[in-house]
Amino acid sequence: MVRQGLEARAPVALPLAERALEARAQGTQKSTKMTTHLPDYYFRVRDNGAFVFRVDTENRHRRIDMDQIASINIKNGEVKAHGERELTDADKATIDDWIVQRRATLAARDIDDILRTVDHLNLTAHWAQSRATDTELDAVTDALLLAMHDLRTVLVRKKSDRMMRID
């Protein structure tokens, strides 16, 4: 019953929604309840990595202080200490763990994006066959054909390369 409701609202987001529901049912998803204990580090995500902050709540004003300690380039794994700081072993270990987790998250998103693209291609084929007007088809046909030809060429070449390595 839950599955039908999700399909009716967002067929493209179904895999993500299903995983979230399964995680919640198994109790593996983190609670959204407010906690009194904050993590020791905060990672402000940016295009190619993150800025790393040490979180301090143990001050006389009982406010949250965030002190930038490093910046991370996720592409090459480079970690630069902020200013004249020296990163502790605990800082380095936490940052290394975050990099591993972030790369896994980004890889999973890439695959999910590709699977969404397959869904969009199927929806586009249905639209072209059932609802598109001649004017609408004229507006998109060349761009779609070129993009699909380019994708097909890349996929065939990559599959051929993989098959040659197996032999």
C-alpha atoms as a PDB file:
ATOM      1  CA  MET A   1       0.000   0.000   0.000  1.00  0.00           C
ATOM      2  CA  VAL A   2       2.836   2.421   0.803  1.00  0.00           C
ATOM      3  CA  ARG A   3       4.499   1.560  -2.505  1.00  0.00           C
ATOM      4  CA  GLN A   4       1.405   2.492  -4.509  1.00  0.00           C
ATOM      5  CA  GLY A   5       1.191   5.869  -2.789  1.00  0.00           C
ATOM      6  CA  LEU A   6       4.844   6.622  -3.530  1.00  0.00           C
ATOM      7  CA  GLU A   7       4.516   5.565  -7.179  1.00  0.00           C
ATOM      8  CA  ALA A   8       1.538   7.855  -7.642  1.00  0.00           C
ATOM      9  CA  ARG A   9       3.411  10.852  -6.249  1.00  0.00           C
ATOM     10  CA  ALA A  10       6.964  10.405  -7.471  1.00  0.00           C
ATOM     11  CA  PRO A  11       7.786   7.408  -9.657  1.00  0.00           C
ATOM     12  CA  VAL A  12      11.345   8.627 -10.264  1.00  0.00           C
ATOM     13  CA  ALA A  13      12.137   8.953  -6.548  1.00  0.00           C
ATOM     14  CA  LEU A  14      10.796   5.513  -5.717  1.00  0.00           C
ATOM     15  CA  PRO A  15      14.162   3.767  -5.173  1.00  0.00           C
ATOM     16  CA  LEU A  16      15.292   6.453  -2.712  1.00  0.00           C
ATOM     17  CA  ALA A  17      11.943   6.551  -0.960  1.00  0.00           C
ATOM     18  CA  GLU A  18      11.846   2.755  -0.682  1.00  0.00           C
ATOM     19  CA  ARG A  19      15.344   2.658   0.804  1.00  0.00           C
ATOM     20  CA  ALA A  20      14.408   5.358   3.317  1.00  0.00           C
ATOM     21  CA  LEU A  21      11.256   3.491   4.335  1.00  0.00           C
ATOM     22  CA  GLU A  22      13.154   0.216   4.678  1.00  0.00           C
ATOM     23  CA  ALA A  23      15.875   1.892   6.754  1.00  0.00           C
ATOM     24  CA  ARG A  24      13.279   3.506   8.992  1.00  0.00           C
ATOM     25  CA  ALA A  25      11.426   0.185   9.397  1.00  0.00           C
ATOM     26  CA  GLN A  26      14.675  -1.600  10.300  1.00  0.00           C
ATOM     27  CA  GLY A  27      15.645   1.156  12.678  1.00  0.00           C
ATOM     28  CA  THR A  28      18.891   1.941  10.823  1.00  0.00           C
ATOM     29  CA  GLN A  29      17.993   5.499   9.926  1.00  0.00           C
ATOM     30  CA  LYS A  30      19.027   8.173  12.361  1.00  0.00           C
ATOM     31  CA  SER A  31      16.311   9.767  14.428  1.00  0.00           C
ATOM     32  CA  THR A  32      15.290  13.309  13.594  1.00  0.00           C
ATOM     33  CA  LYS A  33      14.801  14.161  17.264  1.00  0.00           C
ATOM     34  CA  MET A  34      16.803  17.051  18.644  1.00  0.00           C
ATOM     35  CA  THR A  35      19.785  15.979  20.704  1.00  0.00           C
ATOM     36  CA  THR A  36      21.572  17.831  23.465  1.00  0.00           C
ATOM     37  CA  HIS A  37      24.970  16.501  22.428  1.00  0.00           C
ATOM     38  CA  LEU A  38      26.498  17.936  19.276  1.00  0.00           C
ATOM     39  CA  PRO A  39      29.201  16.242  17.218  1.00  0.00           C
ATOM     40  CA  ASP A  40      32.791  17.323  17.713  1.00  0.00           C
ATOM     41  CA  TYR A  41      33.163  18.219  14.017  1.00  0.00           C
ATOM     42  CA  TYR A  42      30.998  19.842  11.381  1.00  0.00           C
ATOM     43  CA  PHE A  43      31.627  19.502   7.639  1.00  0.00           C
ATOM     44  CA  ARG A  44      30.258  22.324   5.475  1.00  0.00           C
ATOM     45  CA  VAL A  45      29.930  20.672   2.080  1.00  0.00           C
ATOM     46  CA  ARG A  46      30.956  22.649  -0.997  1.00  0.00           C
ATOM     47  CA  ASP A  47      31.369  21.806  -4.685  1.00  0.00           C
ATOM     48  CA  ASN A  48      34.634  19.862  -4.487  1.00  0.00           C
ATOM     49  CA  GLY A  49      34.828  18.947  -0.837  1.00  0.00           C
ATOM     50  CA  ALA A  50      34.144  20.632   2.475  1.00  0.00           C
ATOM     51  CA  PHE A  51      35.321  23.019   5.130  1.00  0.00           C
ATOM     52  CA  VAL A  52      35.915  21.305   8.467  1.00  0.00           C
ATOM     53  CA  PHE A  53      34.947  22.982  11.717  1.00  0.00           C
ATOM     54  CA  ARG A  54      35.609  21.921  15.286  1.00  0.00           C
ATOM     55  CA  VAL A  55      32.437  22.392  17.326  1.00  0.00           C
ATOM     56  CA  ASP A  56      32.817  23.803  20.827  1.00  0.00           C
ATOM     57  CA  THR A  57      29.904  24.076  23.250  1.00  0.00           C
ATOM     58  CA  GLU A  58      32.016  24.064  26.392  1.00  0.00           C
ATOM     59  CA  ASN A  59      32.441  27.782  26.859  1.00  0.00           C
ATOM     60  CA  ARG A  60      31.256  30.130  29.570  1.00  0.00           C
ATOM     61  CA  HIS A  61      28.483  31.594  27.386  1.00  0.00           C
ATOM     62  CA  ARG A  62      27.060  28.131  26.558  1.00  0.00           C
ATOM     63  CA  ARG A  63      26.872  29.021  22.893  1.00  0.00           C
ATOM     64  CA  ILE A  64      28.025  27.017  19.899  1.00  0.00           C
ATOM     65  CA  ASP A  65      31.415  28.051  18.547  1.00  0.00           C
ATOM     66  CA  MET A  66      32.591  26.622  15.253  1.00  0.00           C
ATOM     67  CA  ASP A  67      36.266  27.040  14.524  1.00  0.00           C
ATOM     68  CA  GLN A  68      37.421  26.217  10.982  1.00  0.00           C
ATOM     69  CA  ILE A  69      40.328  23.794  11.133  1.00  0.00           C
ATOM     70  CA  ALA A  70      40.727  22.535   7.560  1.00  0.00           C
ATOM     71  CA  SER A  71      39.483  22.379   3.993  1.00  0.00           C
ATOM     72  CA  ILE A  72      39.069  19.176   1.988  1.00  0.00           C
ATOM     73  CA  ASN A  73      39.277  18.565  -1.748  1.00  0.00           C
ATOM     74  CA  ILE A  74      37.213  15.404  -2.233  1.00  0.00           C
ATOM     75  CA  LYS A  75      38.500  14.781  -5.781  1.00  0.00           C
ATOM     76  CA  ASN A  76      42.147  14.324  -4.851  1.00  0.00           C
ATOM     77  CA  GLY A  77      41.789  13.741  -1.097  1.00  0.00           C
ATOM     78  CA  GLU A  78      43.878  16.788  -0.229  1.00  0.00           C
ATOM     79  CA  VAL A  79      43.392  18.142   3.282  1.00  0.00           C
ATOM     80  CA  LYS A  80      44.754  21.589   4.091  1.00  0.00           C
ATOM     81  CA  ALA A  81      44.936  22.831   7.644  1.00  0.00           C
ATOM     82  CA  HIS A  82      43.326  26.242   8.046  1.00  0.00           C
ATOM     83  CA  GLY A  83      45.795  29.019   8.743  1.00  0.00           C
ATOM     84  CA  GLU A  84      48.679  28.031  10.990  1.00  0.00           C
ATOM     85  CA  ARG A  85      46.851  25.087  12.561  1.00  0.00           C
ATOM     86  CA  GLU A  86      48.274  21.655  13.149  1.00  0.00           C
ATOM     87  CA  LEU A  87      45.686  18.896  12.794  1.00  0.00           C
ATOM     88  CA  THR A  88      45.629  16.357  15.608  1.00  0.00           C
ATOM     89  CA  ASP A  89      45.525  12.633  15.007  1.00  0.00           C
ATOM     90  CA  ALA A  90      41.844  12.677  16.016  1.00  0.00           C
ATOM     91  CA  ASP A  91      41.188  15.478  13.487  1.00  0.00           C
ATOM     92  CA  LYS A  92      42.919  13.513  10.724  1.00  0.00           C
ATOM     93  CA  ALA A  93      41.092  10.274  11.560  1.00  0.00           C
ATOM     94  CA  THR A  94      37.699  11.999  11.580  1.00  0.00           C
ATOM     95  CA  ILE A  95      38.449  13.759   8.298  1.00  0.00           C
ATOM     96  CA  ASP A  96      39.638  10.511   6.673  1.00  0.00           C
ATOM     97  CA  ASP A  97      36.443   8.751   7.803  1.00  0.00           C
ATOM     98  CA  TRP A  98      34.330  11.601   6.413  1.00  0.00           C
ATOM     99  CA  ILE A  99      36.135  11.446   3.046  1.00  0.00           C
ATOM    100  CA  VAL A 100      35.428   7.695   2.753  1.00  0.00           C
ATOM    101  CA  GLN A 101      31.765   8.175   3.663  1.00  0.00           C
ATOM    102  CA  ARG A 102      31.361  11.189   1.369  1.00  0.00           C
ATOM    103  CA  ARG A 103      32.875   9.369  -1.620  1.00  0.00           C
ATOM    104  CA  ALA A 104      30.504   6.450  -1.023  1.00  0.00           C
ATOM    105  CA  THR A 105      27.545   8.844  -0.835  1.00  0.00           C
ATOM    106  CA  LEU A 106      28.555  10.597  -4.053  1.00  0.00           C
ATOM    107  CA  ALA A 107      29.061   7.277  -5.864  1.00  0.00           C
ATOM    108  CA  ALA A 108      25.613   6.077  -4.781  1.00  0.00           C
ATOM    109  CA  ARG A 109      24.090   9.354  -5.983  1.00  0.00           C
ATOM    110  CA  ASP A 110      25.795   8.966  -9.364  1.00  0.00           C
ATOM    111  CA  ILE A 111      24.241   5.526  -9.869  1.00  0.00           C
ATOM    112  CA  ASP A 112      20.853   6.774  -8.683  1.00  0.00           C
ATOM    113  CA  ASP A 113      21.073   9.706 -11.135  1.00  0.00           C
ATOM    114  CA  ILE A 114      21.797   7.308 -14.001  1.00  0.00           C
ATOM    115  CA  LEU A 115      18.849   5.101 -13.056  1.00  0.00           C
ATOM    116  CA  ARG A 116      16.657   8.213 -12.940  1.00  0.00           C
ATOM    117  CA  THR A 117      17.887   9.059 -16.435  1.00  0.00           C
ATOM    118  CA  VAL A 118      16.718   5.641 -17.639  1.00  0.00           C
ATOM    119  CA  ASP A 119      13.299   6.392 -16.125  1.00  0.00           C
ATOM    120  CA  HIS A 120      13.253   9.783 -17.858  1.00  0.00           C
ATOM    121  CA  LEU A 121      14.138   8.199 -21.191  1.00  0.00           C
ATOM    122  CA  ASN A 122      11.254   5.753 -20.784  1.00  0.00           C
ATOM    123  CA  LEU A 123       8.871   8.585 -19.878  1.00  0.00           C
ATOM    124  CA  THR A 124      10.142  10.582 -22.862  1.00  0.00           C
ATOM    125  CA  ALA A 125       9.526   7.655 -25.213  1.00  0.00           C
ATOM    126  CA  HIS A 126       5.984   7.322 -23.878  1.00  0.00           C
ATOM    127  CA  TRP A 127       5.417  11.066 -24.235  1.00  0.00           C
ATOM    128  CA  ALA A 128       6.741  11.059 -27.824  1.00  0.00           C
ATOM    129  CA  GLN A 129       4.536   8.125 -28.751  1.00  0.00           C
ATOM    130  CA  SER A 130       1.339   9.152 -27.012  1.00  0.00           C
ATOM    131  CA  ARG A 131       1.070  12.889 -26.365  1.00  0.00           C
ATOM    132  CA  ALA A 132       3.680  14.916 -28.239  1.00  0.00           C
ATOM    133  CA  THR A 133       2.555  17.223 -31.011  1.00  0.00           C
ATOM    134  CA  ASP A 134       4.497  17.602 -34.241  1.00  0.00           C
ATOM    135  CA  THR A 135       5.714  21.026 -33.097  1.00  0.00           C
ATOM    136  CA  GLU A 136       6.928  19.644 -29.754  1.00  0.00           C
ATOM    137  CA  LEU A 137       8.710  16.762 -31.484  1.00  0.00           C
ATOM    138  CA  ASP A 138      10.379  19.183 -33.915  1.00  0.00           C
ATOM    139  CA  ALA A 139      11.679  21.166 -30.920  1.00  0.00           C
ATOM    140  CA  VAL A 140      13.386  18.194 -29.237  1.00  0.00           C
ATOM    141  CA  THR A 141      14.061  15.465 -31.804  1.00  0.00           C
ATOM    142  CA  ASP A 142      17.505  16.549 -33.032  1.00  0.00           C
ATOM    143  CA  ALA A 143      18.846  17.196 -29.535  1.00  0.00           C
ATOM    144  CA  LEU A 144      17.516  13.854 -28.264  1.00  0.00           C
ATOM    145  CA  LEU A 145      18.839  11.894 -31.242  1.00  0.00           C
ATOM    146  CA  LEU A 146      22.315  13.410 -30.938  1.00  0.00           C
ATOM    147  CA  ALA A 147      22.464  12.870 -27.172  1.00  0.00           C
ATOM    148  CA  MET A 148      21.262   9.262 -27.503  1.00  0.00           C
ATOM    149  CA  HIS A 149      23.721   8.592 -30.344  1.00  0.00           C
ATOM    150  CA  ASP A 150      26.573  10.007 -28.267  1.00  0.00           C
ATOM    151  CA  LEU A 151      25.547   7.922 -25.245  1.00  0.00           C
ATOM    152  CA  ARG A 152      25.173   4.773 -27.353  1.00  0.00           C
ATOM    153  CA  THR A 153      28.622   5.298 -28.898  1.00  0.00           C
ATOM    154  CA  VAL A 154      30.253   5.680 -25.478  1.00  0.00           C
ATOM    155  CA  LEU A 155      28.420   2.703 -23.989  1.00  0.00           C
ATOM    156  CA  VAL A 156      29.265   0.406 -26.928  1.00  0.00           C
ATOM    157  CA  ARG A 157      32.947   1.421 -26.814  1.00  0.00           C
ATOM    158  CA  LYS A 158      33.139   0.918 -23.036  1.00  0.00           C
ATOM    159  CA  LYS A 159      31.415  -2.468 -23.232  1.00  0.00           C
ATOM    160  CA  SER A 160      33.764  -3.538 -26.015  1.00  0.00           C
ATOM    161  CA  ASP A 161      36.773  -2.480 -23.911  1.00  0.00           C
ATOM    162  CA  ARG A 162      35.469  -4.485 -20.947  1.00  0.00           C
ATOM    163  CA  MET A 163      34.899  -7.561 -23.088  1.00  0.00           C
ATOM    164  CA  MET A 164      38.406  -7.313 -24.571  1.00  0.00           C
ATOM    165  CA  ARG A 165      39.908  -7.240 -21.052  1.00  0.00           C
ATOM    166  CA  ILE A 166      37.950 -10.362 -20.071  1.00  0.00           C
ATOM    167  CA  ASP A 167      39.268 -12.330 -23.063  1.00  0.00           C
END
